[in-house]
PDB file of N, CA and C in Angstrom:
ATOM      1  N   UNK A   1       6.376 -17.529  -7.907  1.00  0.00           N
ATOM      2  CA  UNK A   1       6.312 -18.341  -6.719  1.00  0.00           C
ATOM      3  C   UNK A   1       5.101 -17.882  -5.892  1.00  0.00           C
ATOM      4  N   UNK A   2       4.216 -18.797  -5.586  1.00  0.00           N
ATOM      5  CA  UNK A   2       3.038 -18.456  -4.788  1.00  0.00           C
ATOM      6  C   UNK A   2       3.444 -18.187  -3.339  1.00  0.00           C
ATOM      7  N   UNK A   3       2.883 -17.114  -2.799  1.00  0.00           N
ATOM      8  CA  UNK A   3       3.130 -16.743  -1.407  1.00  0.00           C
ATOM      9  C   UNK A   3       2.058 -17.421  -0.554  1.00  0.00           C
ATOM     10  N   UNK A   4       2.475 -18.345   0.284  1.00  0.00           N
ATOM     11  CA  UNK A   4       1.526 -19.086   1.113  1.00  0.00           C
ATOM     12  C   UNK A   4       1.155 -18.329   2.382  1.00  0.00           C
ATOM     13  N   UNK A   5       2.117 -17.592   2.942  1.00  0.00           N
ATOM     14  CA  UNK A   5       1.867 -16.827   4.158  1.00  0.00           C
ATOM     15  C   UNK A   5       2.727 -15.583   4.147  1.00  0.00           C
ATOM     16  N   UNK A   6       2.255 -14.554   4.842  1.00  0.00           N
ATOM     17  CA  UNK A   6       3.008 -13.307   4.927  1.00  0.00           C
ATOM     18  C   UNK A   6       2.710 -12.645   6.264  1.00  0.00           C
ATOM     19  N   UNK A   7       3.452 -11.603   6.563  1.00  0.00           N
ATOM     20  CA  UNK A   7       3.372 -10.943   7.870  1.00  0.00           C
ATOM     21  C   UNK A   7       1.969 -10.493   8.232  1.00  0.00           C
ATOM     22  N   UNK A   8       1.256  -9.907   7.277  1.00  0.00           N
ATOM     23  CA  UNK A   8      -0.069  -9.355   7.563  1.00  0.00           C
ATOM     24  C   UNK A   8      -1.217 -10.252   7.095  1.00  0.00           C
ATOM     25  N   UNK A   9      -0.901 -11.488   6.730  1.00  0.00           N
ATOM     26  CA  UNK A   9      -1.899 -12.463   6.292  1.00  0.00           C
ATOM     27  C   UNK A   9      -2.726 -11.956   5.105  1.00  0.00           C
ATOM     28  N   UNK A  10      -2.073 -11.268   4.182  1.00  0.00           N
ATOM     29  CA  UNK A  10      -2.771 -10.676   3.038  1.00  0.00           C
ATOM     30  C   UNK A  10      -3.401 -11.756   2.165  1.00  0.00           C
ATOM     31  N   UNK A  11      -2.673 -12.823   1.904  1.00  0.00           N
ATOM     32  CA  UNK A  11      -3.235 -13.912   1.099  1.00  0.00           C
ATOM     33  C   UNK A  11      -4.503 -14.473   1.710  1.00  0.00           C
ATOM     34  N   UNK A  12      -4.465 -14.721   3.001  1.00  0.00           N
ATOM     35  CA  UNK A  12      -5.645 -15.242   3.697  1.00  0.00           C
ATOM     36  C   UNK A  12      -6.793 -14.242   3.663  1.00  0.00           C
ATOM     37  N   UNK A  13      -6.487 -12.962   3.835  1.00  0.00           N
ATOM     38  CA  UNK A  13      -7.522 -11.923   3.835  1.00  0.00           C
ATOM     39  C   UNK A  13      -8.121 -11.745   2.443  1.00  0.00           C
ATOM     40  N   UNK A  14      -7.296 -11.922   1.413  1.00  0.00           N
ATOM     41  CA  UNK A  14      -7.827 -11.862   0.050  1.00  0.00           C
ATOM     42  C   UNK A  14      -8.776 -13.024  -0.208  1.00  0.00           C
ATOM     43  N   UNK A  15      -8.444 -14.190   0.328  1.00  0.00           N
ATOM     44  CA  UNK A  15      -9.326 -15.343   0.149  1.00  0.00           C
ATOM     45  C   UNK A  15     -10.653 -15.158   0.881  1.00  0.00           C
ATOM     46  N   UNK A  16     -10.682 -14.296   1.898  1.00  0.00           N
ATOM     47  CA  UNK A  16     -11.951 -13.969   2.551  1.00  0.00           C
ATOM     48  C   UNK A  16     -12.825 -13.132   1.620  1.00  0.00           C
ATOM     49  N   UNK A  17     -12.200 -12.296   0.791  1.00  0.00           N
ATOM     50  CA  UNK A  17     -12.934 -11.507  -0.195  1.00  0.00           C
ATOM     51  C   UNK A  17     -13.470 -12.429  -1.273  1.00  0.00           C
ATOM     52  N   UNK A  18     -12.601 -13.320  -1.764  1.00  0.00           N
ATOM     53  CA  UNK A  18     -12.980 -14.291  -2.799  1.00  0.00           C
ATOM     54  C   UNK A  18     -12.019 -15.470  -2.678  1.00  0.00           C
ATOM     55  N   UNK A  19     -12.557 -16.642  -2.498  1.00  0.00           N
ATOM     56  CA  UNK A  19     -11.752 -17.837  -2.263  1.00  0.00           C
ATOM     57  C   UNK A  19     -10.780 -18.203  -3.369  1.00  0.00           C
ATOM     58  N   UNK A  20     -10.934 -17.620  -4.560  1.00  0.00           N
ATOM     59  CA  UNK A  20     -10.053 -17.946  -5.678  1.00  0.00           C
ATOM     60  C   UNK A  20      -8.784 -17.131  -5.751  1.00  0.00           C
ATOM     61  N   UNK A  21      -8.698 -16.070  -4.957  1.00  0.00           N
ATOM     62  CA  UNK A  21      -7.509 -15.210  -5.006  1.00  0.00           C
ATOM     63  C   UNK A  21      -6.293 -15.897  -4.396  1.00  0.00           C
ATOM     64  N   UNK A  22      -5.129 -15.596  -4.982  1.00  0.00           N
ATOM     65  CA  UNK A  22      -3.858 -15.989  -4.393  1.00  0.00           C
ATOM     66  C   UNK A  22      -2.791 -14.995  -4.832  1.00  0.00           C
ATOM     67  N   UNK A  23      -1.717 -14.932  -4.062  1.00  0.00           N
ATOM     68  CA  UNK A  23      -0.649 -13.960  -4.307  1.00  0.00           C
ATOM     69  C   UNK A  23       0.600 -14.702  -4.763  1.00  0.00           C
ATOM     70  N   UNK A  24       1.265 -14.122  -5.762  1.00  0.00           N
ATOM     71  CA  UNK A  24       2.553 -14.664  -6.199  1.00  0.00           C
ATOM     72  C   UNK A  24       3.577 -13.542  -6.181  1.00  0.00           C
ATOM     73  N   UNK A  25       4.835 -13.946  -6.034  1.00  0.00           N
ATOM     74  CA  UNK A  25       5.914 -12.991  -6.228  1.00  0.00           C
ATOM     75  C   UNK A  25       6.538 -13.323  -7.567  1.00  0.00           C
ATOM     76  N   UNK A  26       6.429 -12.401  -8.519  1.00  0.00           N
ATOM     77  CA  UNK A  26       6.963 -12.581  -9.859  1.00  0.00           C
ATOM     78  C   UNK A  26       8.417 -12.112  -9.847  1.00  0.00           C
ATOM     79  N   UNK A  27       9.336 -13.083  -9.771  1.00  0.00           N
ATOM     80  CA  UNK A  27      10.755 -12.765  -9.613  1.00  0.00           C
ATOM     81  C   UNK A  27      11.330 -12.001 -10.802  1.00  0.00           C
ATOM     82  N   UNK A  28      10.906 -12.335 -12.011  1.00  0.00           N
ATOM     83  CA  UNK A  28      11.433 -11.656 -13.198  1.00  0.00           C
ATOM     84  C   UNK A  28      11.087 -10.172 -13.195  1.00  0.00           C
ATOM     85  N   UNK A  29       9.913  -9.842 -12.712  1.00  0.00           N
ATOM     86  CA  UNK A  29       9.463  -8.440 -12.683  1.00  0.00           C
ATOM     87  C   UNK A  29       9.727  -7.783 -11.331  1.00  0.00           C
ATOM     88  N   UNK A  30      10.081  -8.568 -10.334  1.00  0.00           N
ATOM     89  CA  UNK A  30      10.366  -8.039  -9.009  1.00  0.00           C
ATOM     90  C   UNK A  30       9.150  -7.418  -8.349  1.00  0.00           C
ATOM     91  N   UNK A  31       7.991  -8.087  -8.461  1.00  0.00           N
ATOM     92  CA  UNK A  31       6.770  -7.527  -7.898  1.00  0.00           C
ATOM     93  C   UNK A  31       5.820  -8.635  -7.446  1.00  0.00           C
ATOM     94  N   UNK A  32       4.906  -8.229  -6.565  1.00  0.00           N
ATOM     95  CA  UNK A  32       3.820  -9.111  -6.156  1.00  0.00           C
ATOM     96  C   UNK A  32       2.678  -8.969  -7.148  1.00  0.00           C
ATOM     97  N   UNK A  33       1.976 -10.057  -7.353  1.00  0.00           N
ATOM     98  CA  UNK A  33       0.797 -10.041  -8.221  1.00  0.00           C
ATOM     99  C   UNK A  33      -0.321 -10.814  -7.539  1.00  0.00           C
ATOM    100  N   UNK A  34      -1.539 -10.381  -7.797  1.00  0.00           N
ATOM    101  CA  UNK A  34      -2.710 -11.102  -7.308  1.00  0.00           C
ATOM    102  C   UNK A  34      -3.314 -11.829  -8.501  1.00  0.00           C
ATOM    103  N   UNK A  35      -3.607 -13.099  -8.300  1.00  0.00           N
ATOM    104  CA  UNK A  35      -4.194 -13.945  -9.337  1.00  0.00           C
ATOM    105  C   UNK A  35      -5.481 -14.561  -8.800  1.00  0.00           C
ATOM    106  N   UNK A  36      -6.279 -15.107  -9.727  1.00  0.00           N
ATOM    107  CA  UNK A  36      -7.505 -15.798  -9.339  1.00  0.00           C
ATOM    108  C   UNK A  36      -7.511 -17.164 -10.019  1.00  0.00           C
ATOM    109  N   UNK A  37      -7.757 -18.181  -9.239  1.00  0.00           N
ATOM    110  CA  UNK A  37      -7.660 -19.552  -9.745  1.00  0.00           C
ATOM    111  C   UNK A  37      -8.620 -19.845 -10.901  1.00  0.00           C
ATOM    112  N   UNK A  38      -9.736 -19.141 -10.980  1.00  0.00           N
ATOM    113  CA  UNK A  38     -10.716 -19.407 -12.030  1.00  0.00           C
ATOM    114  C   UNK A  38     -10.602 -18.441 -13.202  1.00  0.00           C
ATOM    115  N   UNK A  39      -9.521 -17.667 -13.241  1.00  0.00           N
ATOM    116  CA  UNK A  39      -9.354 -16.690 -14.313  1.00  0.00           C
ATOM    117  C   UNK A  39      -9.165 -17.332 -15.671  1.00  0.00           C
ATOM    118  N   UNK A  40      -9.817 -16.742 -16.681  1.00  0.00           N
ATOM    119  CA  UNK A  40      -9.684 -17.226 -18.057  1.00  0.00           C
ATOM    120  C   UNK A  40      -9.652 -16.013 -18.962  1.00  0.00           C
ATOM    121  N   UNK A  41      -8.775 -15.870 -19.875  1.00  0.00           N
ATOM    122  CA  UNK A  41      -7.751 -16.832 -20.279  1.00  0.00           C
ATOM    123  C   UNK A  41      -6.510 -16.787 -19.391  1.00  0.00           C
ATOM    124  N   UNK A  42      -6.454 -15.846 -18.436  1.00  0.00           N
ATOM    125  CA  UNK A  42      -5.294 -15.758 -17.554  1.00  0.00           C
ATOM    126  C   UNK A  42      -5.776 -15.652 -16.108  1.00  0.00           C
ATOM    127  N   UNK A  43      -4.934 -16.061 -15.188  1.00  0.00           N
ATOM    128  CA  UNK A  43      -5.290 -15.957 -13.772  1.00  0.00           C
ATOM    129  C   UNK A  43      -4.910 -14.597 -13.200  1.00  0.00           C
ATOM    130  N   UNK A  44      -4.110 -13.817 -13.934  1.00  0.00           N
ATOM    131  CA  UNK A  44      -3.632 -12.510 -13.462  1.00  0.00           C
ATOM    132  C   UNK A  44      -4.790 -11.553 -13.237  1.00  0.00           C
ATOM    133  N   UNK A  45      -4.773 -10.881 -12.073  1.00  0.00           N
ATOM    134  CA  UNK A  45      -5.782  -9.867 -11.761  1.00  0.00           C
ATOM    135  C   UNK A  45      -5.175  -8.479 -11.678  1.00  0.00           C
ATOM    136  N   UNK A  46      -4.126  -8.332 -10.864  1.00  0.00           N
ATOM    137  CA  UNK A  46      -3.550  -7.006 -10.665  1.00  0.00           C
ATOM    138  C   UNK A  46      -2.109  -7.133 -10.170  1.00  0.00           C
ATOM    139  N   UNK A  47      -1.265  -6.209 -10.641  1.00  0.00           N
ATOM    140  CA  UNK A  47       0.103  -6.103 -10.134  1.00  0.00           C
ATOM    141  C   UNK A  47       0.061  -5.199  -8.912  1.00  0.00           C
ATOM    142  N   UNK A  48       0.684  -5.622  -7.853  1.00  0.00           N
ATOM    143  CA  UNK A  48       0.714  -4.840  -6.624  1.00  0.00           C
ATOM    144  C   UNK A  48       1.811  -3.780  -6.773  1.00  0.00           C
ATOM    145  N   UNK A  49       1.447  -2.482  -6.709  1.00  0.00           N
ATOM    146  CA  UNK A  49       2.437  -1.433  -6.945  1.00  0.00           C
ATOM    147  C   UNK A  49       3.251  -1.052  -5.705  1.00  0.00           C
ATOM    148  N   UNK A  50       3.262  -1.903  -4.716  1.00  0.00           N
ATOM    149  CA  UNK A  50       3.965  -1.621  -3.461  1.00  0.00           C
ATOM    150  C   UNK A  50       5.049  -2.678  -3.252  1.00  0.00           C
ATOM    151  N   UNK A  51       6.069  -2.314  -2.493  1.00  0.00           N
ATOM    152  CA  UNK A  51       7.180  -3.234  -2.236  1.00  0.00           C
ATOM    153  C   UNK A  51       6.822  -4.322  -1.235  1.00  0.00           C
ATOM    154  N   UNK A  52       5.778  -4.080  -0.432  1.00  0.00           N
ATOM    155  CA  UNK A  52       5.366  -5.053   0.574  1.00  0.00           C
ATOM    156  C   UNK A  52       3.882  -5.337   0.440  1.00  0.00           C
ATOM    157  N   UNK A  53       3.482  -6.475   0.975  1.00  0.00           N
ATOM    158  CA  UNK A  53       2.061  -6.807   1.036  1.00  0.00           C
ATOM    159  C   UNK A  53       1.505  -6.231   2.325  1.00  0.00           C
ATOM    160  N   UNK A  54       0.480  -5.404   2.211  1.00  0.00           N
ATOM    161  CA  UNK A  54      -0.146  -4.824   3.388  1.00  0.00           C
ATOM    162  C   UNK A  54      -1.596  -4.456   3.063  1.00  0.00           C
ATOM    163  N   UNK A  55      -2.228  -3.682   3.923  1.00  0.00           N
ATOM    164  CA  UNK A  55      -3.643  -3.324   3.769  1.00  0.00           C
ATOM    165  C   UNK A  55      -3.941  -2.678   2.423  1.00  0.00           C
ATOM    166  N   UNK A  56      -2.979  -1.953   1.879  1.00  0.00           N
ATOM    167  CA  UNK A  56      -3.180  -1.307   0.576  1.00  0.00           C
ATOM    168  C   UNK A  56      -3.472  -2.331  -0.513  1.00  0.00           C
ATOM    169  N   UNK A  57      -2.895  -3.513  -0.397  1.00  0.00           N
ATOM    170  CA  UNK A  57      -3.138  -4.571  -1.375  1.00  0.00           C
ATOM    171  C   UNK A  57      -4.597  -5.005  -1.332  1.00  0.00           C
ATOM    172  N   UNK A  58      -5.146  -5.164  -0.145  1.00  0.00           N
ATOM    173  CA  UNK A  58      -6.558  -5.539   0.013  1.00  0.00           C
ATOM    174  C   UNK A  58      -7.443  -4.468  -0.617  1.00  0.00           C
ATOM    175  N   UNK A  59      -7.155  -3.202  -0.294  1.00  0.00           N
ATOM    176  CA  UNK A  59      -7.938  -2.079  -0.822  1.00  0.00           C
ATOM    177  C   UNK A  59      -7.880  -2.039  -2.346  1.00  0.00           C
ATOM    178  N   UNK A  60      -6.692  -2.234  -2.904  1.00  0.00           N
ATOM    179  CA  UNK A  60      -6.517  -2.235  -4.354  1.00  0.00           C
ATOM    180  C   UNK A  60      -7.339  -3.327  -5.010  1.00  0.00           C
ATOM    181  N   UNK A  61      -7.268  -4.531  -4.473  1.00  0.00           N
ATOM    182  CA  UNK A  61      -8.001  -5.656  -5.059  1.00  0.00           C
ATOM    183  C   UNK A  61      -9.505  -5.421  -4.967  1.00  0.00           C
ATOM    184  N   UNK A  62      -9.973  -4.933  -3.837  1.00  0.00           N
ATOM    185  CA  UNK A  62     -11.404  -4.655  -3.702  1.00  0.00           C
ATOM    186  C   UNK A  62     -11.853  -3.589  -4.692  1.00  0.00           C
ATOM    187  N   UNK A  63     -11.028  -2.571  -4.877  1.00  0.00           N
ATOM    188  CA  UNK A  63     -11.380  -1.487  -5.793  1.00  0.00           C
ATOM    189  C   UNK A  63     -11.442  -1.961  -7.242  1.00  0.00           C
ATOM    190  N   UNK A  64     -10.565  -2.888  -7.611  1.00  0.00           N
ATOM    191  CA  UNK A  64     -10.464  -3.304  -9.012  1.00  0.00           C
ATOM    192  C   UNK A  64     -11.321  -4.518  -9.353  1.00  0.00           C
ATOM    193  N   UNK A  65     -12.149  -4.967  -8.427  1.00  0.00           N
ATOM    194  CA  UNK A  65     -13.026  -6.112  -8.716  1.00  0.00           C
ATOM    195  C   UNK A  65     -14.014  -5.758  -9.826  1.00  0.00           C
ATOM    196  N   UNK A  66     -14.409  -6.737 -10.603  1.00  0.00           N
ATOM    197  CA  UNK A  66     -15.292  -6.545 -11.751  1.00  0.00           C
ATOM    198  C   UNK A  66     -16.610  -5.878 -11.342  1.00  0.00           C
ATOM    199  N   UNK A  67     -17.037  -6.095 -10.113  1.00  0.00           N
ATOM    200  CA  UNK A  67     -18.276  -5.483  -9.643  1.00  0.00           C
ATOM    201  C   UNK A  67     -18.179  -3.962  -9.645  1.00  0.00           C
ATOM    202  N   UNK A  68     -16.964  -3.434  -9.628  1.00  0.00           N
ATOM    203  CA  UNK A  68     -16.736  -1.990  -9.594  1.00  0.00           C
ATOM    204  C   UNK A  68     -16.407  -1.406 -10.963  1.00  0.00           C
ATOM    205  N   UNK A  69     -16.609  -2.195 -12.028  1.00  0.00           N
ATOM    206  CA  UNK A  69     -16.209  -1.779 -13.367  1.00  0.00           C
ATOM    207  C   UNK A  69     -16.841  -0.451 -13.773  1.00  0.00           C
ATOM    208  N   UNK A  70     -18.143  -0.296 -13.574  1.00  0.00           N
ATOM    209  CA  UNK A  70     -18.801   0.948 -13.983  1.00  0.00           C
ATOM    210  C   UNK A  70     -18.221   2.151 -13.248  1.00  0.00           C
ATOM    211  N   UNK A  71     -17.977   2.000 -11.954  1.00  0.00           N
ATOM    212  CA  UNK A  71     -17.415   3.094 -11.164  1.00  0.00           C
ATOM    213  C   UNK A  71     -16.012   3.436 -11.664  1.00  0.00           C
ATOM    214  N   UNK A  72     -15.203   2.428 -11.954  1.00  0.00           N
ATOM    215  CA  UNK A  72     -13.842   2.649 -12.445  1.00  0.00           C
ATOM    216  C   UNK A  72     -13.878   3.365 -13.793  1.00  0.00           C
ATOM    217  N   UNK A  73     -14.749   2.912 -14.698  1.00  0.00           N
ATOM    218  CA  UNK A  73     -14.855   3.549 -16.007  1.00  0.00           C
ATOM    219  C   UNK A  73     -15.331   4.994 -15.879  1.00  0.00           C
ATOM    220  N   UNK A  74     -16.247   5.250 -14.949  1.00  0.00           N
ATOM    221  CA  UNK A  74     -16.723   6.609 -14.707  1.00  0.00           C
ATOM    222  C   UNK A  74     -15.586   7.500 -14.212  1.00  0.00           C
ATOM    223  N   UNK A  75     -14.756   6.971 -13.296  1.00  0.00           N
ATOM    224  CA  UNK A  75     -13.608   7.731 -12.795  1.00  0.00           C
ATOM    225  C   UNK A  75     -12.640   8.057 -13.932  1.00  0.00           C
ATOM    226  N   UNK A  76     -12.418   7.098 -14.816  1.00  0.00           N
ATOM    227  CA  UNK A  76     -11.522   7.316 -15.953  1.00  0.00           C
ATOM    228  C   UNK A  76     -12.097   8.384 -16.876  1.00  0.00           C
ATOM    229  N   UNK A  77     -13.395   8.290 -17.168  1.00  0.00           N
ATOM    230  CA  UNK A  77     -14.042   9.282 -18.036  1.00  0.00           C
ATOM    231  C   UNK A  77     -13.955  10.687 -17.445  1.00  0.00           C
ATOM    232  N   UNK A  78     -14.194  10.820 -16.148  1.00  0.00           N
ATOM    233  CA  UNK A  78     -14.114  12.130 -15.496  1.00  0.00           C
ATOM    234  C   UNK A  78     -12.689  12.679 -15.540  1.00  0.00           C
ATOM    235  N   UNK A  79     -11.715  11.824 -15.283  1.00  0.00           N
ATOM    236  CA  UNK A  79     -10.322  12.267 -15.321  1.00  0.00           C
ATOM    237  C   UNK A  79      -9.928  12.693 -16.731  1.00  0.00           C
ATOM    238  N   UNK A  80     -10.368  11.940 -17.730  1.00  0.00           N
ATOM    239  CA  UNK A  80     -10.070  12.289 -19.117  1.00  0.00           C
ATOM    240  C   UNK A  80     -10.732  13.602 -19.509  1.00  0.00           C
ATOM    241  N   UNK A  81     -11.972  13.826 -19.076  1.00  0.00           N
ATOM    242  CA  UNK A  81     -12.672  15.073 -19.380  1.00  0.00           C
ATOM    243  C   UNK A  81     -11.949  16.261 -18.748  1.00  0.00           C
ATOM    244  N   UNK A  82     -11.478  16.081 -17.524  1.00  0.00           N
ATOM    245  CA  UNK A  82     -10.741  17.149 -16.843  1.00  0.00           C
ATOM    246  C   UNK A  82      -9.446  17.463 -17.586  1.00  0.00           C
ATOM    247  N   UNK A  83      -8.736  16.426 -18.011  1.00  0.00           N
ATOM    248  CA  UNK A  83      -7.502  16.631 -18.766  1.00  0.00           C
ATOM    249  C   UNK A  83      -7.770  17.340 -20.087  1.00  0.00           C
ATOM    250  N   UNK A  84      -8.835  16.955 -20.766  1.00  0.00           N
ATOM    251  CA  UNK A  84      -9.188  17.581 -22.044  1.00  0.00           C
ATOM    252  C   UNK A  84      -9.532  19.052 -21.844  1.00  0.00           C
ATOM    253  N   UNK A  85     -10.276  19.356 -20.795  1.00  0.00           N
ATOM    254  CA  UNK A  85     -10.645  20.739 -20.502  1.00  0.00           C
ATOM    255  C   UNK A  85      -9.388  21.577 -20.246  1.00  0.00           C
ATOM    256  N   UNK A  86      -8.450  21.013 -19.485  1.00  0.00           N
ATOM    257  CA  UNK A  86      -7.193  21.711 -19.202  1.00  0.00           C
ATOM    258  C   UNK A  86      -6.386  21.907 -20.484  1.00  0.00           C
ATOM    259  N   UNK A  87      -6.352  20.888 -21.322  1.00  0.00           N
ATOM    260  CA  UNK A  87      -5.609  20.974 -22.578  1.00  0.00           C
ATOM    261  C   UNK A  87      -6.183  22.064 -23.477  1.00  0.00           C
ATOM    262  N   UNK A  88      -7.508  22.129 -23.594  1.00  0.00           N
ATOM    263  CA  UNK A  88      -8.154  23.146 -24.421  1.00  0.00           C
ATOM    264  C   UNK A  88      -7.882  24.540 -23.856  1.00  0.00           C
ATOM    265  N   UNK A  89      -7.983  24.682 -22.546  1.00  0.00           N
ATOM    266  CA  UNK A  89      -7.728  25.976 -21.897  1.00  0.00           C
ATOM    267  C   UNK A  89      -6.301  26.440 -22.174  1.00  0.00           C
ATOM    268  N   UNK A  90      -5.334  25.537 -22.016  1.00  0.00           N
ATOM    269  CA  UNK A  90      -3.930  25.886 -22.264  1.00  0.00           C
ATOM    270  C   UNK A  90      -3.694  26.257 -23.724  1.00  0.00           C
ATOM    271  N   UNK A  91      -4.320  25.544 -24.640  1.00  0.00           N
ATOM    272  CA  UNK A  91      -4.180  25.839 -26.068  1.00  0.00           C
ATOM    273  C   UNK A  91      -4.752  27.209 -26.378  1.00  0.00           C
ATOM    274  N   UNK A  92      -5.920  27.526 -25.841  1.00  0.00           N
ATOM    275  CA  UNK A  92      -6.528  28.837 -26.069  1.00  0.00           C
ATOM    276  C   UNK A  92      -5.662  29.959 -25.501  1.00  0.00           C
ATOM    277  N   UNK A  93      -5.069  29.732 -24.341  1.00  0.00           N
ATOM    278  CA  UNK A  93      -4.183  30.737 -23.744  1.00  0.00           C
ATOM    279  C   UNK A  93      -2.955  30.971 -24.614  1.00  0.00           C
ATOM    280  N   UNK A  94      -2.394  29.907 -25.162  1.00  0.00           N
ATOM    281  CA  UNK A  94      -1.229  30.041 -26.030  1.00  0.00           C
ATOM    282  C   UNK A  94      -1.578  30.787 -27.314  1.00  0.00           C
ATOM    283  N   UNK A  95      -2.759  30.505 -27.857  1.00  0.00           N
ATOM    284  CA  UNK A  95      -3.213  31.207 -29.067  1.00  0.00           C
ATOM    285  C   UNK A  95      -3.416  32.689 -28.776  1.00  0.00           C
ATOM    286  N   UNK A  96      -3.961  32.989 -27.623  1.00  0.00           N
ATOM    287  CA  UNK A  96      -4.186  34.375 -27.219  1.00  0.00           C
ATOM    288  C   UNK A  96      -2.849  35.111 -27.113  1.00  0.00           C
ATOM    289  N   UNK A  97      -1.853  34.446 -26.509  1.00  0.00           N
ATOM    290  CA  UNK A  97      -0.531  35.047 -26.369  1.00  0.00           C
ATOM    291  C   UNK A  97       0.102  35.306 -27.735  1.00  0.00           C
ATOM    292  N   UNK A  98      -0.096  34.409 -28.692  1.00  0.00           N
ATOM    293  CA  UNK A  98       0.470  34.561 -30.021  1.00  0.00           C
ATOM    294  C   UNK A  98      -0.173  35.732 -30.769  1.00  0.00           C
ATOM    295  N   UNK A  99      -1.422  36.000 -30.494  1.00  0.00           N
ATOM    296  CA  UNK A  99      -2.156  37.064 -31.182  1.00  0.00           C
ATOM    297  C   UNK A  99      -1.942  38.436 -30.542  1.00  0.00           C
ATOM    298  N   UNK A 100      -1.269  38.508 -29.429  1.00  0.00           N
ATOM    299  CA  UNK A 100      -1.032  39.799 -28.766  1.00  0.00           C
ATOM    300  C   UNK A 100       0.163  40.512 -29.316  1.00  0.00           C
TER     301      UNK A 100
END
């Protein structure tokens, strides 16, 4: 069900970012979703991870826009590298403990 209006005017504010955005409440999943009218093959853009529509929704949509793809991929790569470094460190520590 498309949300036409809400307390904080999130739908209207999203349309200020890009006129194609609109918000729906997906009853089966019990969540808000942001869609774009010109989306292909789907209009779905992002699931809102909050129980209410508020400023965080605007921030999330702005962050996940295609214009930010390189930055998002860089953040993912850095996080993965950090996790890998931690994993290697923990493995080496466990091996050291086994050899003592």
